[in-house]
Every structure is written in structure tokens, then in C-alpha cells.
Amino acid sequence: MELQEINRSNDDKKDDNIYFIKNESVMMSSVDVLTELSSSKRIILKANGDLIPNAVAIANIVTENMLKGNSSIHEIKLDSTISEENGQMTSNIEITLLKN
């Protein structure tokens, strides 16, 4: 589990946690995200390339199964980057989850 706190000038955003999706069990990652949401009201899931479906699955598992009615997907950001080394394009996603 990789969590990184980020500091922003906006007070309601300074407690955000970022969870980087790795190639591991979706259920294990969902439990990690749920644990983090128990101490924070907001978490951002970040994934790129082939791990994007895992991020979507984790967001759905947490919001629709584990915290049904007590959490929501607040924002989804999609982007892509082009590698300077080989010119390959990689898609990126950020899913912001909020606990009510």
C-alpha cells in the first residue's frame, strides 16, 4: 500500500490521501482503501495503463458494497501522457472517493 499525503493551499484538500493502484488483488486494495477512508474523508485513487480497470473496480467495491450509502465517487479525472523515450501514449485516471 502506497499512501502519500499532499499539501495544498485549500484547507479542505490538505488531508487528501493518494492511493496508487498496483498490480495486486482488487479485494486487498479495496480493504486498504476502506481502512484509509476510516481515518480520512477523502482518498484519491490513481492508476495508469492496464491498471485503470482495477481502480474502477476498487472504487465500485468500496462505494457500492463496503460503504453502501456512506460514500460516493466525487470526481473522475482522465488524462494521458506521451513517453519522451519511445513516444508511447499512456492513459491515467484519478478517482476521488468521499466518505459521508
N, C-alpha and C. Protein backbone atom coordinates (compact mmCIF):
# COMPACT_ATOMS: atom_id res chain seq x y z
N MET A 1 0.84 -1.18 0.00
CA MET A 1 0.00 0.00 0.00
C MET A 1 0.89 1.23 0.00
N GLU A 2 0.65 2.11 -0.96
CA GLU A 2 1.39 3.37 -1.01
C GLU A 2 0.41 4.51 -0.78
N LEU A 3 0.60 5.22 0.28
CA LEU A 3 -0.20 6.40 0.56
C LEU A 3 0.73 7.58 0.70
N GLN A 4 0.29 8.68 0.13
CA GLN A 4 1.12 9.87 0.18
C GLN A 4 0.21 11.05 0.47
N GLU A 5 0.50 11.77 1.53
CA GLU A 5 -0.27 12.96 1.84
C GLU A 5 0.26 14.10 1.01
N ILE A 6 -0.66 14.91 0.50
CA ILE A 6 -0.25 16.06 -0.29
C ILE A 6 -0.73 17.32 0.40
N ASN A 7 0.04 18.36 0.29
CA ASN A 7 -0.32 19.65 0.89
C ASN A 7 -0.77 20.59 -0.20
N ARG A 8 -1.91 21.18 0.01
CA ARG A 8 -2.45 22.17 -0.92
C ARG A 8 -2.86 23.38 -0.11
N SER A 9 -2.99 24.50 -0.78
CA SER A 9 -3.35 25.73 -0.07
C SER A 9 -4.79 25.69 0.43
N ASN A 10 -5.66 24.95 -0.23
CA ASN A 10 -7.06 24.85 0.16
C ASN A 10 -7.17 23.94 1.38
N ASP A 11 -7.71 24.46 2.50
CA ASP A 11 -7.75 23.73 3.76
C ASP A 11 -8.51 22.41 3.67
N ASP A 12 -9.60 22.37 2.89
CA ASP A 12 -10.38 21.14 2.84
C ASP A 12 -9.71 20.09 1.96
N LYS A 13 -8.65 20.42 1.25
CA LYS A 13 -7.96 19.46 0.42
C LYS A 13 -6.64 18.99 1.03
N LYS A 14 -6.17 19.60 2.09
CA LYS A 14 -4.85 19.27 2.59
C LYS A 14 -4.78 17.88 3.24
N ASP A 15 -5.91 17.29 3.60
CA ASP A 15 -5.92 15.98 4.21
C ASP A 15 -6.11 14.86 3.19
N ASP A 16 -6.08 15.19 1.91
CA ASP A 16 -6.24 14.17 0.87
C ASP A 16 -5.13 13.14 0.95
N ASN A 17 -5.50 11.92 0.69
CA ASN A 17 -4.54 10.84 0.59
C ASN A 17 -4.60 10.29 -0.82
N ILE A 18 -3.47 9.91 -1.33
CA ILE A 18 -3.40 9.33 -2.67
C ILE A 18 -3.04 7.87 -2.53
N TYR A 19 -3.81 7.02 -3.19
CA TYR A 19 -3.54 5.59 -3.20
C TYR A 19 -3.19 5.20 -4.63
N PHE A 20 -1.97 4.75 -4.84
CA PHE A 20 -1.51 4.35 -6.17
C PHE A 20 -1.86 2.89 -6.38
N ILE A 21 -2.63 2.61 -7.42
CA ILE A 21 -3.07 1.25 -7.73
C ILE A 21 -1.88 0.46 -8.27
N LYS A 22 -1.70 -0.73 -7.69
CA LYS A 22 -0.65 -1.63 -8.14
C LYS A 22 -1.28 -2.91 -8.66
N ASN A 23 -0.49 -3.74 -9.28
CA ASN A 23 -0.98 -5.00 -9.82
C ASN A 23 -1.05 -6.03 -8.71
N GLU A 24 -2.08 -5.89 -7.86
CA GLU A 24 -2.31 -6.81 -6.76
C GLU A 24 -3.80 -7.07 -6.65
N SER A 25 -4.20 -7.89 -5.75
CA SER A 25 -5.60 -8.25 -5.58
C SER A 25 -6.49 -7.01 -5.40
N VAL A 26 -7.57 -6.99 -6.17
CA VAL A 26 -8.51 -5.87 -6.08
C VAL A 26 -9.15 -5.84 -4.69
N MET A 27 -9.46 -6.98 -4.13
CA MET A 27 -10.07 -7.02 -2.79
C MET A 27 -9.10 -6.53 -1.71
N MET A 28 -7.83 -6.91 -1.81
CA MET A 28 -6.84 -6.42 -0.85
C MET A 28 -6.72 -4.90 -0.94
N SER A 29 -6.68 -4.39 -2.15
CA SER A 29 -6.59 -2.94 -2.34
C SER A 29 -7.85 -2.26 -1.82
N SER A 30 -9.01 -2.86 -2.02
CA SER A 30 -10.27 -2.29 -1.53
C SER A 30 -10.26 -2.19 -0.01
N VAL A 31 -9.75 -3.21 0.66
CA VAL A 31 -9.65 -3.18 2.12
C VAL A 31 -8.67 -2.09 2.56
N ASP A 32 -7.56 -1.94 1.85
CA ASP A 32 -6.60 -0.86 2.16
C ASP A 32 -7.26 0.51 2.03
N VAL A 33 -8.02 0.70 0.95
CA VAL A 33 -8.70 1.98 0.73
C VAL A 33 -9.76 2.20 1.81
N LEU A 34 -10.50 1.16 2.15
CA LEU A 34 -11.51 1.26 3.21
C LEU A 34 -10.87 1.64 4.54
N THR A 35 -9.74 1.04 4.85
CA THR A 35 -9.02 1.37 6.09
C THR A 35 -8.60 2.83 6.10
N GLU A 36 -8.11 3.31 4.98
CA GLU A 36 -7.70 4.71 4.91
C GLU A 36 -8.90 5.65 5.01
N LEU A 37 -10.01 5.28 4.41
CA LEU A 37 -11.21 6.10 4.49
C LEU A 37 -11.79 6.15 5.91
N SER A 38 -11.45 5.18 6.74
CA SER A 38 -11.95 5.20 8.12
C SER A 38 -11.33 6.34 8.92
N SER A 39 -10.14 6.79 8.50
CA SER A 39 -9.50 7.89 9.22
C SER A 39 -9.50 9.20 8.42
N SER A 40 -9.93 9.13 7.19
CA SER A 40 -9.95 10.31 6.33
C SER A 40 -11.27 10.33 5.58
N LYS A 41 -11.72 11.49 5.21
CA LYS A 41 -12.99 11.58 4.49
C LYS A 41 -12.81 11.56 2.98
N ARG A 42 -11.57 11.60 2.52
CA ARG A 42 -11.32 11.69 1.08
C ARG A 42 -10.06 10.91 0.73
N ILE A 43 -10.12 10.19 -0.39
CA ILE A 43 -8.94 9.49 -0.89
C ILE A 43 -8.98 9.55 -2.42
N ILE A 44 -7.82 9.66 -3.01
CA ILE A 44 -7.71 9.71 -4.47
C ILE A 44 -7.02 8.45 -4.94
N LEU A 45 -7.71 7.69 -5.79
CA LEU A 45 -7.13 6.51 -6.40
C LEU A 45 -6.47 6.93 -7.70
N LYS A 46 -5.21 6.55 -7.90
CA LYS A 46 -4.50 6.88 -9.13
C LYS A 46 -4.03 5.60 -9.80
N ALA A 47 -4.24 5.53 -11.11
CA ALA A 47 -3.79 4.36 -11.88
C ALA A 47 -3.48 4.80 -13.29
N ASN A 48 -2.66 3.98 -13.95
CA ASN A 48 -2.38 4.25 -15.36
C ASN A 48 -2.36 2.96 -16.15
N GLY A 49 -2.56 3.10 -17.44
CA GLY A 49 -2.49 1.97 -18.36
C GLY A 49 -3.42 0.83 -18.01
N ASP A 50 -2.85 -0.37 -17.95
CA ASP A 50 -3.64 -1.58 -17.72
C ASP A 50 -4.23 -1.68 -16.32
N LEU A 51 -3.85 -0.80 -15.41
CA LEU A 51 -4.36 -0.84 -14.04
C LEU A 51 -5.62 0.02 -13.86
N ILE A 52 -6.03 0.73 -14.90
CA ILE A 52 -7.24 1.58 -14.80
C ILE A 52 -8.48 0.76 -14.45
N PRO A 53 -8.72 -0.41 -15.07
CA PRO A 53 -9.90 -1.20 -14.66
C PRO A 53 -9.87 -1.61 -13.19
N ASN A 54 -8.68 -1.84 -12.64
CA ASN A 54 -8.58 -2.17 -11.21
C ASN A 54 -9.02 -0.98 -10.35
N ALA A 55 -8.62 0.23 -10.74
CA ALA A 55 -9.02 1.43 -9.98
C ALA A 55 -10.53 1.60 -10.00
N VAL A 56 -11.13 1.37 -11.15
CA VAL A 56 -12.59 1.49 -11.27
C VAL A 56 -13.27 0.42 -10.41
N ALA A 57 -12.76 -0.80 -10.45
CA ALA A 57 -13.33 -1.88 -9.65
C ALA A 57 -13.22 -1.57 -8.16
N ILE A 58 -12.06 -1.08 -7.73
CA ILE A 58 -11.86 -0.75 -6.31
C ILE A 58 -12.83 0.35 -5.88
N ALA A 59 -12.97 1.38 -6.71
CA ALA A 59 -13.90 2.47 -6.38
C ALA A 59 -15.33 1.93 -6.25
N ASN A 60 -15.73 1.05 -7.15
CA ASN A 60 -17.08 0.50 -7.09
C ASN A 60 -17.27 -0.42 -5.89
N ILE A 61 -16.29 -1.24 -5.60
CA ILE A 61 -16.39 -2.15 -4.44
C ILE A 61 -16.54 -1.35 -3.15
N VAL A 62 -15.72 -0.32 -3.00
CA VAL A 62 -15.76 0.48 -1.77
C VAL A 62 -17.08 1.24 -1.66
N THR A 63 -17.49 1.93 -2.73
CA THR A 63 -18.67 2.78 -2.63
C THR A 63 -20.00 2.02 -2.69
N GLU A 64 -20.05 0.92 -3.44
CA GLU A 64 -21.32 0.22 -3.62
C GLU A 64 -21.49 -1.00 -2.72
N ASN A 65 -20.41 -1.57 -2.22
CA ASN A 65 -20.51 -2.77 -1.39
C ASN A 65 -20.10 -2.52 0.05
N MET A 66 -18.88 -2.03 0.24
CA MET A 66 -18.35 -1.89 1.60
C MET A 66 -18.97 -0.72 2.37
N LEU A 67 -19.13 0.41 1.71
CA LEU A 67 -19.68 1.61 2.36
C LEU A 67 -20.96 2.06 1.67
N LYS A 68 -21.80 1.13 1.33
CA LYS A 68 -23.03 1.42 0.59
C LYS A 68 -23.83 2.51 1.30
N GLY A 69 -24.06 3.60 0.59
CA GLY A 69 -24.82 4.71 1.15
C GLY A 69 -24.01 5.66 2.01
N ASN A 70 -22.78 5.29 2.36
CA ASN A 70 -21.96 6.13 3.22
C ASN A 70 -20.74 6.70 2.51
N SER A 71 -20.67 6.49 1.21
CA SER A 71 -19.54 7.03 0.44
C SER A 71 -19.99 7.27 -0.99
N SER A 72 -19.18 8.01 -1.73
CA SER A 72 -19.52 8.30 -3.12
C SER A 72 -18.27 8.60 -3.93
N ILE A 73 -18.43 8.45 -5.22
CA ILE A 73 -17.37 8.86 -6.14
C ILE A 73 -17.61 10.33 -6.42
N HIS A 74 -16.68 11.15 -6.00
CA HIS A 74 -16.84 12.60 -6.11
C HIS A 74 -16.41 13.13 -7.47
N GLU A 75 -15.28 12.63 -7.96
CA GLU A 75 -14.73 13.18 -9.20
C GLU A 75 -13.88 12.12 -9.90
N ILE A 76 -13.91 12.14 -11.21
CA ILE A 76 -13.07 11.26 -12.02
C ILE A 76 -12.33 12.13 -13.02
N LYS A 77 -11.01 12.02 -13.03
CA LYS A 77 -10.19 12.77 -13.99
C LYS A 77 -9.48 11.77 -14.89
N LEU A 78 -9.56 12.00 -16.18
CA LEU A 78 -8.87 11.18 -17.16
C LEU A 78 -7.84 12.02 -17.88
N ASP A 79 -6.69 11.41 -18.17
CA ASP A 79 -5.61 12.12 -18.83
C ASP A 79 -4.76 11.09 -19.56
N SER A 80 -3.86 11.56 -20.38
CA SER A 80 -2.88 10.66 -21.00
C SER A 80 -1.56 11.41 -21.13
N THR A 81 -0.50 10.63 -21.07
CA THR A 81 0.84 11.19 -21.22
C THR A 81 1.56 10.45 -22.33
N ILE A 82 2.49 11.15 -22.96
CA ILE A 82 3.29 10.55 -24.02
C ILE A 82 4.73 10.45 -23.54
N SER A 83 5.26 9.26 -23.59
CA SER A 83 6.63 9.00 -23.16
C SER A 83 7.61 9.69 -24.10
N GLU A 84 8.58 10.39 -23.52
CA GLU A 84 9.60 11.04 -24.34
C GLU A 84 10.59 10.02 -24.89
N GLU A 85 10.70 8.88 -24.23
CA GLU A 85 11.64 7.85 -24.67
C GLU A 85 11.21 7.16 -25.95
N ASN A 86 9.95 6.69 -25.98
CA ASN A 86 9.51 5.93 -27.14
C ASN A 86 8.25 6.46 -27.80
N GLY A 87 7.70 7.55 -27.30
CA GLY A 87 6.52 8.17 -27.90
C GLY A 87 5.23 7.44 -27.63
N GLN A 88 5.24 6.47 -26.72
CA GLN A 88 4.05 5.69 -26.41
C GLN A 88 3.12 6.48 -25.50
N MET A 89 1.83 6.44 -25.81
CA MET A 89 0.83 7.14 -25.01
C MET A 89 0.30 6.22 -23.92
N THR A 90 0.20 6.75 -22.70
CA THR A 90 -0.34 6.00 -21.56
C THR A 90 -1.49 6.79 -20.96
N SER A 91 -2.63 6.12 -20.75
CA SER A 91 -3.79 6.75 -20.12
C SER A 91 -3.63 6.73 -18.61
N ASN A 92 -4.21 7.74 -17.94
CA ASN A 92 -4.16 7.88 -16.49
C ASN A 92 -5.55 8.18 -15.97
N ILE A 93 -5.84 7.77 -14.74
CA ILE A 93 -7.12 8.08 -14.12
C ILE A 93 -6.89 8.47 -12.67
N GLU A 94 -7.71 9.39 -12.18
CA GLU A 94 -7.75 9.75 -10.77
C GLU A 94 -9.21 9.70 -10.36
N ILE A 95 -9.51 8.90 -9.36
CA ILE A 95 -10.88 8.77 -8.86
C ILE A 95 -10.89 9.25 -7.42
N THR A 96 -11.67 10.27 -7.14
CA THR A 96 -11.76 10.81 -5.79
C THR A 96 -12.97 10.21 -5.09
N LEU A 97 -12.72 9.54 -3.96
CA LEU A 97 -13.78 8.95 -3.16
C LEU A 97 -14.00 9.79 -1.91
N LEU A 98 -15.26 9.99 -1.55
CA LEU A 98 -15.62 10.73 -0.35
C LEU A 98 -16.44 9.85 0.58
N LYS A 99 -16.14 9.93 1.87
CA LYS A 99 -16.94 9.24 2.86
C LYS A 99 -17.90 10.25 3.48
N ASN A 100 -19.17 9.90 3.52
CA ASN A 100 -20.20 10.81 4.06
C ASN A 100 -20.12 10.89 5.56
